[in-house]
Amino acid sequence: DQDTGLHYDRYLREVIDFLEKDQHFREKLHNTDMEDIKRGKLAKELDFVSHHVRTKLDELKRQEVSRLRTLIKAKQDIEGGNDIAVDHQVLLKQFEYLNHMNPHTFEVEDLDRLIKSATKDLENYDKERHEEFKRYEMMKEHERQEHLKTLDEEGRMKEEEHYEEMKKKHADHPKVNHPGSKDQLKEVWEEADGLDPEDFDPKTFFNLHDTNGDGFFDEQELEALFTKELEKIYDPTNEEDDMVEMEEERLRMREHVMNEVDSNKDRLVSLDEFLVATKKKEFLEPDSWEALEQNQAYTEEEMREFEEQLARQEEDLNLKAADLQKQREDLERQQEQLNAQKIELQQVTELICLVPAH
């Protein structure tokens, strides 16, 4: 049910939704190993789904191809190519999750492509998120350093003292339990669920927090379990606490638990996987959890490269601005010349009119 963050998320979810309406396919889906799904074994079952479902999948594919064509046309228009003929077939090649050569019907190859693309893209999702957060942190530091350059020596000293004070204040928080550990889950059991910690039972806990009752913890259900831990570190009313960092901390916790518990790597935690994890040393006696303030998101070398990239971008923008200014000045000179020629022509015309006709 959750948004995958993929640009074809709606298409993906609608295809899955309609396939699950077919009893045969639903049974195969629930009984097929994730690795077999990735290898395309499940896609072949498309030949056995009902005519009604196949018809609906054809319609979904036509709508998706139409959406992509509209996006391509809009991009061409923005880039100034209104009068250029668009070869949709060539441009549709960039969208690997469907077979662009057949825009009318949803076939086995379409399901195979969709599964493989979604699997690959979702596996890269956390990596891309790490890079995006790293850029955010580097930009924040860059802007802080740029602000310091605008201050006199006394102002810089005060600003640096305030910055260090805020860092220290943020780091002064209660101990954070290791995500997914017994201590962390027992705290949720006691404080969020209002139950006696002595009665903690993993199976009951799982059923309580499997909010949609599908027998799995999905990513959103897992992330909801970390709210109590995050409240120890972050408060939206505190100047020193960054809510972007709070969400990154939440995602780090979810990613860590998934790596530890999701043994078949289907981005879901089943009850069996959960119960197996509760018997491991990592659950009973985990290492301490290092929060973001203990793990700088970037190295000095990465920050240096980021600063150089920003400097190059600024230089490019300045060159473009200078070029635009020159073009403007040239246009203004041309306009002045045209105005002068216009006045000269008007004067000549007036003189001709004053000459008596013979």
Protein backbone atom coordinates (compact mmCIF):
# COMPACT_ATOMS: atom_id res chain seq x y z
CA ASP A 1 0.00 0.00 0.00
CA GLN A 2 2.92 2.36 0.51
CA ASP A 3 4.29 4.78 -2.07
CA THR A 4 7.51 3.27 -3.42
CA GLY A 5 8.87 6.64 -4.51
CA LEU A 6 9.31 5.32 -8.07
CA HIS A 7 8.17 7.54 -10.93
CA TYR A 8 5.97 4.66 -12.13
CA ASP A 9 4.62 3.92 -8.64
CA ARG A 10 0.94 4.28 -9.60
CA TYR A 11 1.27 1.97 -12.60
CA LEU A 12 3.16 -0.62 -10.52
CA ARG A 13 0.57 -0.63 -7.74
CA GLU A 14 -2.41 -0.78 -10.12
CA VAL A 15 -0.89 -3.75 -11.98
CA ILE A 16 -0.26 -5.60 -8.71
CA ASP A 17 -3.72 -4.74 -7.42
CA PHE A 18 -5.46 -6.23 -10.48
CA LEU A 19 -3.23 -9.29 -10.61
CA GLU A 20 -4.08 -10.03 -6.99
CA LYS A 21 -7.76 -10.01 -7.92
CA ASP A 22 -7.07 -13.20 -9.88
CA GLN A 23 -7.19 -16.15 -7.46
CA HIS A 24 -4.71 -18.29 -9.41
CA PHE A 25 -2.13 -15.52 -9.64
CA ARG A 26 -2.62 -14.48 -6.01
CA GLU A 27 -1.89 -18.02 -4.82
CA LYS A 28 1.21 -18.23 -7.02
CA LEU A 29 2.41 -14.84 -5.81
CA HIS A 30 2.14 -15.81 -2.14
CA ASN A 31 3.81 -19.18 -2.68
CA THR A 32 6.70 -18.11 -4.92
CA ASP A 33 10.14 -17.39 -3.48
CA MET A 34 11.43 -13.84 -3.98
CA GLU A 35 14.46 -15.05 -5.95
CA ASP A 36 12.17 -16.97 -8.34
CA ILE A 37 10.07 -13.82 -8.77
CA LYS A 38 13.20 -11.83 -9.64
CA ARG A 39 14.21 -14.50 -12.17
CA GLY A 40 10.90 -14.10 -13.98
CA LYS A 41 9.22 -17.34 -12.90
CA LEU A 42 6.10 -15.54 -11.69
CA ALA A 43 5.72 -13.49 -14.89
CA LYS A 44 4.95 -16.67 -16.84
CA GLU A 45 1.81 -17.18 -14.72
CA LEU A 46 0.27 -14.19 -16.51
CA ASP A 47 -0.87 -16.54 -19.28
CA PHE A 48 -3.27 -18.20 -16.81
CA VAL A 49 -5.05 -15.15 -15.37
CA SER A 50 -8.66 -14.39 -16.26
CA HIS A 51 -9.68 -12.54 -19.41
CA HIS A 52 -11.17 -9.71 -17.35
CA VAL A 53 -7.86 -9.08 -15.56
CA ARG A 54 -5.86 -9.27 -18.82
CA THR A 55 -8.22 -6.74 -20.41
CA LYS A 56 -7.76 -4.38 -17.48
CA LEU A 57 -3.96 -4.78 -17.64
CA ASP A 58 -4.05 -3.91 -21.36
CA GLU A 59 -5.94 -0.74 -20.47
CA LEU A 60 -3.47 0.15 -17.70
CA LYS A 61 -0.54 -0.26 -20.08
CA ARG A 62 -2.15 1.93 -22.76
CA GLN A 63 -2.77 4.61 -20.14
CA GLU A 64 0.85 4.41 -18.95
CA VAL A 65 2.23 4.64 -22.50
CA SER A 66 -0.04 7.63 -23.10
CA ARG A 67 1.23 9.25 -19.88
CA LEU A 68 4.84 8.74 -20.94
CA ARG A 69 4.17 10.18 -24.39
CA THR A 70 2.57 13.23 -22.79
CA LEU A 71 5.62 13.68 -20.55
CA ILE A 72 7.95 13.36 -23.55
CA LYS A 73 5.93 15.92 -25.52
CA ALA A 74 5.88 18.32 -22.55
CA LYS A 75 9.66 18.00 -22.20
CA GLN A 76 10.12 18.70 -25.91
CA ASP A 77 7.91 21.80 -25.63
CA ILE A 78 9.84 23.10 -22.61
CA GLU A 79 13.14 22.60 -24.42
CA GLY A 80 11.82 24.60 -27.37
CA GLY A 81 11.28 21.72 -29.76
CA ASN A 82 7.62 22.44 -30.53
CA ASP A 83 8.14 22.15 -34.26
CA ILE A 84 10.34 19.06 -34.12
CA ALA A 85 8.70 15.71 -34.94
CA VAL A 86 8.87 13.43 -31.91
CA ASP A 87 9.84 9.78 -32.41
CA HIS A 88 8.02 8.31 -29.40
CA GLN A 89 9.27 4.79 -30.04
CA VAL A 90 12.90 5.90 -29.74
CA LEU A 91 12.26 7.99 -26.62
CA LEU A 92 10.18 5.30 -24.94
CA LYS A 93 13.24 3.04 -24.93
CA GLN A 94 14.47 4.89 -21.83
CA PHE A 95 11.56 3.46 -19.82
CA GLU A 96 12.70 -0.07 -19.11
CA TYR A 97 9.71 -1.17 -17.05
CA LEU A 98 7.45 -1.81 -20.07
CA ASN A 99 7.75 -3.14 -23.60
CA HIS A 100 7.43 0.02 -25.71
CA MET A 101 7.35 -1.93 -28.99
CA ASN A 102 3.87 -3.16 -28.12
CA PRO A 103 1.92 -0.23 -26.61
CA HIS A 104 -1.47 -1.94 -26.78
CA THR A 105 -1.42 -5.18 -24.77
CA PHE A 106 0.10 -6.24 -21.46
CA GLU A 107 2.16 -9.39 -22.04
CA VAL A 108 4.45 -11.68 -20.02
CA GLU A 109 7.42 -9.53 -21.02
CA ASP A 110 5.73 -6.46 -19.53
CA LEU A 111 5.29 -8.15 -16.16
CA ASP A 112 8.85 -9.48 -16.27
CA ARG A 113 10.21 -6.00 -17.08
CA LEU A 114 8.09 -4.39 -14.35
CA ILE A 115 9.27 -6.86 -11.68
CA LYS A 116 12.94 -6.55 -12.65
CA SER A 117 12.87 -2.76 -12.93
CA ALA A 118 11.04 -2.27 -9.63
CA THR A 119 13.38 -4.70 -7.85
CA LYS A 120 16.47 -2.93 -9.18
CA ASP A 121 15.13 0.57 -8.57
CA LEU A 122 13.98 -0.20 -5.03
CA GLU A 123 17.33 -1.76 -4.19
CA ASN A 124 18.99 1.51 -5.27
CA TYR A 125 16.47 3.65 -3.40
CA ASP A 126 18.36 3.74 -0.08
CA LYS A 127 21.67 4.39 -1.82
CA GLU A 128 20.21 7.39 -3.65
CA ARG A 129 18.62 8.60 -0.42
CA HIS A 130 22.01 8.49 1.33
CA GLU A 131 23.52 10.62 -1.42
CA GLU A 132 20.65 13.10 -1.30
CA PHE A 133 20.99 13.47 2.48
CA LYS A 134 24.75 13.87 2.16
CA ARG A 135 24.22 16.75 -0.30
CA TYR A 136 21.73 18.31 2.11
CA GLU A 137 24.24 18.19 4.98
CA MET A 138 27.07 19.57 2.83
CA MET A 139 24.88 22.41 1.55
CA LYS A 140 23.90 23.26 5.12
CA GLU A 141 27.58 23.48 6.12
CA HIS A 142 28.42 25.45 2.98
CA GLU A 143 25.71 28.03 3.74
CA ARG A 144 26.91 28.28 7.33
CA GLN A 145 30.47 28.96 6.19
CA GLU A 146 29.29 31.52 3.64
CA HIS A 147 27.31 33.30 6.37
CA LEU A 148 30.42 33.43 8.60
CA LYS A 149 32.31 35.22 5.80
CA THR A 150 29.81 38.09 5.98
CA LEU A 151 30.52 38.73 9.68
CA ASP A 152 33.32 40.60 11.42
CA GLU A 153 35.70 38.74 13.73
CA GLU A 154 33.57 39.27 16.84
CA GLY A 155 30.41 38.17 15.02
CA ARG A 156 32.13 35.02 13.72
CA MET A 157 33.29 34.10 17.22
CA LYS A 158 29.77 34.51 18.63
CA GLU A 159 28.28 32.50 15.76
CA GLU A 160 30.80 29.66 16.20
CA GLU A 161 30.18 29.57 19.97
CA HIS A 162 26.42 29.38 19.35
CA TYR A 163 26.93 26.62 16.76
CA GLU A 164 29.01 24.51 19.17
CA GLU A 165 26.48 25.10 21.94
CA MET A 166 23.63 23.87 19.70
CA LYS A 167 25.62 20.75 18.71
CA LYS A 168 26.30 19.94 22.34
CA LYS A 169 22.66 20.54 23.30
CA HIS A 170 21.42 18.27 20.50
CA ALA A 171 23.80 15.47 21.51
CA ASP A 172 22.63 15.64 25.14
CA HIS A 173 19.73 13.18 25.00
CA PRO A 174 18.72 9.89 26.67
CA LYS A 175 20.26 6.64 25.46
CA VAL A 176 18.79 5.44 22.18
CA ASN A 177 17.88 1.77 22.07
CA HIS A 178 19.20 -0.30 19.19
CA PRO A 179 16.40 -0.38 16.53
CA GLY A 180 14.61 -3.72 16.45
CA SER A 181 16.16 -4.92 19.71
CA LYS A 182 14.17 -6.40 22.58
CA ASP A 183 14.73 -3.29 24.71
CA GLN A 184 13.49 -1.03 21.95
CA LEU A 185 10.37 -3.08 21.24
CA LYS A 186 9.61 -3.53 24.95
CA GLU A 187 9.65 0.25 25.32
CA VAL A 188 7.03 0.53 22.55
CA TRP A 189 5.06 -2.30 24.20
CA GLU A 190 5.03 -0.44 27.53
CA GLU A 191 4.78 3.24 26.52
CA ALA A 192 2.83 3.14 23.27
CA ASP A 193 0.74 0.01 23.80
CA GLY A 194 0.27 0.49 27.56
CA LEU A 195 1.14 -3.12 28.36
CA ASP A 196 3.14 -4.66 31.20
CA PRO A 197 6.79 -5.06 30.07
CA GLU A 198 6.97 -8.33 32.00
CA ASP A 199 4.30 -9.75 29.67
CA PHE A 200 6.19 -8.85 26.46
CA ASP A 201 5.45 -11.42 23.76
CA PRO A 202 7.00 -11.07 20.27
CA LYS A 203 4.10 -12.73 18.42
CA THR A 204 1.50 -10.53 20.15
CA PHE A 205 3.68 -7.48 19.49
CA PHE A 206 3.88 -8.35 15.80
CA ASN A 207 0.11 -8.73 15.49
CA LEU A 208 -0.47 -5.44 17.34
CA HIS A 209 1.75 -3.46 14.97
CA ASP A 210 0.85 -5.22 11.72
CA THR A 211 -1.68 -2.42 11.26
CA ASN A 212 -3.08 -3.58 7.92
CA GLY A 213 -3.29 -7.21 9.08
CA ASP A 214 -1.54 -8.69 6.05
CA GLY A 215 0.89 -10.81 8.08
CA PHE A 216 3.94 -8.62 7.31
CA PHE A 217 5.71 -5.54 8.59
CA ASP A 218 6.14 -3.26 5.60
CA GLU A 219 8.54 -0.32 5.66
CA GLN A 220 5.99 2.17 6.97
CA GLU A 221 4.88 -0.14 9.79
CA LEU A 222 8.53 -0.62 10.77
CA GLU A 223 9.27 3.10 10.70
CA ALA A 224 6.31 3.75 12.99
CA LEU A 225 8.00 1.61 15.67
CA PHE A 226 10.89 4.06 15.99
CA THR A 227 8.89 7.15 16.95
CA LYS A 228 9.66 6.78 20.67
CA GLU A 229 13.40 6.54 19.98
CA LEU A 230 13.33 9.56 17.69
CA GLU A 231 11.49 11.63 20.30
CA LYS A 232 14.51 11.14 22.57
CA ILE A 233 16.72 12.94 20.05
CA TYR A 234 14.48 15.36 18.18
CA ASP A 235 11.94 17.97 19.19
CA PRO A 236 10.46 20.23 16.47
CA THR A 237 10.35 23.14 18.95
CA ASN A 238 14.13 23.00 19.58
CA GLU A 239 16.43 25.21 17.50
CA GLU A 240 19.18 22.59 17.63
CA ASP A 241 17.06 19.76 16.19
CA ASP A 242 16.79 19.38 12.40
CA MET A 243 13.61 17.59 11.27
CA VAL A 244 15.22 16.55 7.97
CA GLU A 245 17.85 14.74 10.03
CA MET A 246 15.10 13.17 12.13
CA GLU A 247 13.52 11.61 9.04
CA GLU A 248 16.93 10.39 7.87
CA GLU A 249 17.46 8.81 11.31
CA ARG A 250 14.08 7.08 11.00
CA LEU A 251 15.00 5.70 7.58
CA ARG A 252 18.44 4.57 8.82
CA MET A 253 16.71 2.63 11.60
CA ARG A 254 14.28 1.02 9.18
CA GLU A 255 17.06 0.17 6.73
CA HIS A 256 19.13 -1.40 9.52
CA VAL A 257 16.27 -3.59 10.76
CA MET A 258 15.40 -4.67 7.22
CA ASN A 259 19.02 -5.70 6.62
CA GLU A 260 19.03 -7.69 9.88
CA VAL A 261 15.60 -9.35 9.68
CA ASP A 262 14.36 -9.46 6.07
CA SER A 263 16.11 -12.69 5.12
CA ASN A 264 14.51 -13.15 1.66
CA LYS A 265 15.01 -9.45 0.76
CA ASP A 266 11.44 -8.81 -0.37
CA ARG A 267 11.30 -5.53 1.63
CA LEU A 268 8.76 -7.09 3.98
CA VAL A 269 9.22 -8.72 7.40
CA SER A 270 7.05 -11.81 7.84
CA LEU A 271 6.03 -13.14 11.24
CA ASP A 272 8.41 -16.09 10.78
CA GLU A 273 11.34 -13.77 9.94
CA PHE A 274 10.48 -11.61 12.95
CA LEU A 275 10.31 -14.54 15.36
CA VAL A 276 13.62 -15.95 14.08
CA ALA A 277 15.23 -12.54 14.66
CA THR A 278 13.98 -12.39 18.27
CA LYS A 279 16.15 -15.40 19.12
CA LYS A 280 19.39 -13.85 17.84
CA LYS A 281 22.09 -12.18 19.94
CA GLU A 282 21.52 -8.89 18.06
CA PHE A 283 17.96 -8.84 19.46
CA LEU A 284 18.79 -9.87 23.02
CA GLU A 285 22.19 -8.20 23.51
CA PRO A 286 22.64 -5.59 20.77
CA ASP A 287 25.50 -3.15 20.30
CA SER A 288 24.79 0.48 21.19
CA TRP A 289 23.16 2.53 18.42
CA GLU A 290 25.15 5.45 17.03
CA ALA A 291 22.84 8.32 16.10
CA LEU A 292 23.50 10.69 13.21
CA GLU A 293 25.46 13.19 15.32
CA GLN A 294 28.04 10.44 15.87
CA ASN A 295 28.32 9.70 12.14
CA GLN A 296 29.13 12.68 9.92
CA ALA A 297 27.40 12.16 6.60
CA TYR A 298 30.39 13.24 4.48
CA THR A 299 34.19 13.21 4.50
CA GLU A 300 36.43 16.26 4.22
CA GLU A 301 37.35 15.17 0.70
CA GLU A 302 33.66 14.96 -0.30
CA MET A 303 33.05 18.41 1.17
CA ARG A 304 36.01 19.81 -0.78
CA GLU A 305 34.70 18.28 -4.02
CA PHE A 306 31.21 19.62 -3.26
CA GLU A 307 32.60 23.15 -2.74
CA GLU A 308 34.53 22.91 -6.00
CA GLN A 309 31.38 21.76 -7.81
CA LEU A 310 29.41 24.69 -6.39
CA ALA A 311 32.19 27.07 -7.42
CA ARG A 312 32.10 25.67 -10.99
CA GLN A 313 28.32 26.00 -11.10
CA GLU A 314 28.54 29.59 -9.86
CA GLU A 315 31.21 30.36 -12.46
CA ASP A 316 29.02 28.84 -15.21
CA LEU A 317 26.05 30.92 -14.04
CA ASN A 318 28.18 34.08 -13.98
CA LEU A 319 29.42 33.36 -17.51
CA LYS A 320 25.85 32.79 -18.70
CA ALA A 321 24.72 35.97 -16.93
CA ALA A 322 27.57 37.93 -18.55
CA ASP A 323 26.66 36.45 -21.95
CA LEU A 324 23.00 37.40 -21.48
CA GLN A 325 24.02 40.91 -20.43
CA LYS A 326 26.19 41.22 -23.55
CA GLN A 327 23.28 40.01 -25.72
CA ARG A 328 21.03 42.57 -24.04
CA GLU A 329 23.52 45.36 -24.67
CA ASP A 330 23.88 44.28 -28.31
CA LEU A 331 20.11 44.29 -28.71
CA GLU A 332 19.87 47.73 -27.12
CA ARG A 333 22.57 49.07 -29.52
CA GLN A 334 20.74 47.53 -32.46
CA GLN A 335 17.51 49.12 -31.23
CA GLU A 336 19.24 52.50 -30.96
CA GLN A 337 20.59 52.12 -34.51
CA LEU A 338 17.12 51.20 -35.77
CA ASN A 339 15.61 54.18 -33.98
CA ALA A 340 18.27 56.46 -35.49
CA GLN A 341 17.57 55.04 -38.97
CA LYS A 342 13.84 55.49 -38.40
CA ILE A 343 14.32 59.16 -37.44
CA GLU A 344 16.60 59.68 -40.46
CA LEU A 345 14.03 58.12 -42.78
CA GLN A 346 11.28 60.30 -41.29
CA GLN A 347 13.42 63.41 -41.87
CA VAL A 348 14.13 62.40 -45.48
CA THR A 349 10.43 61.76 -46.03
CA GLU A 350 9.53 65.18 -44.62
CA LEU A 351 12.12 66.88 -46.88
CA ILE A 352 10.74 65.09 -49.94
CA CYS A 353 7.24 66.25 -49.02
CA LEU A 354 8.49 69.89 -48.82
CA VAL A 355 10.01 69.84 -52.33
CA PRO A 356 7.45 71.40 -54.75
CA ALA A 357 6.25 69.16 -57.52
CA HIS A 358 7.06 70.22 -61.14
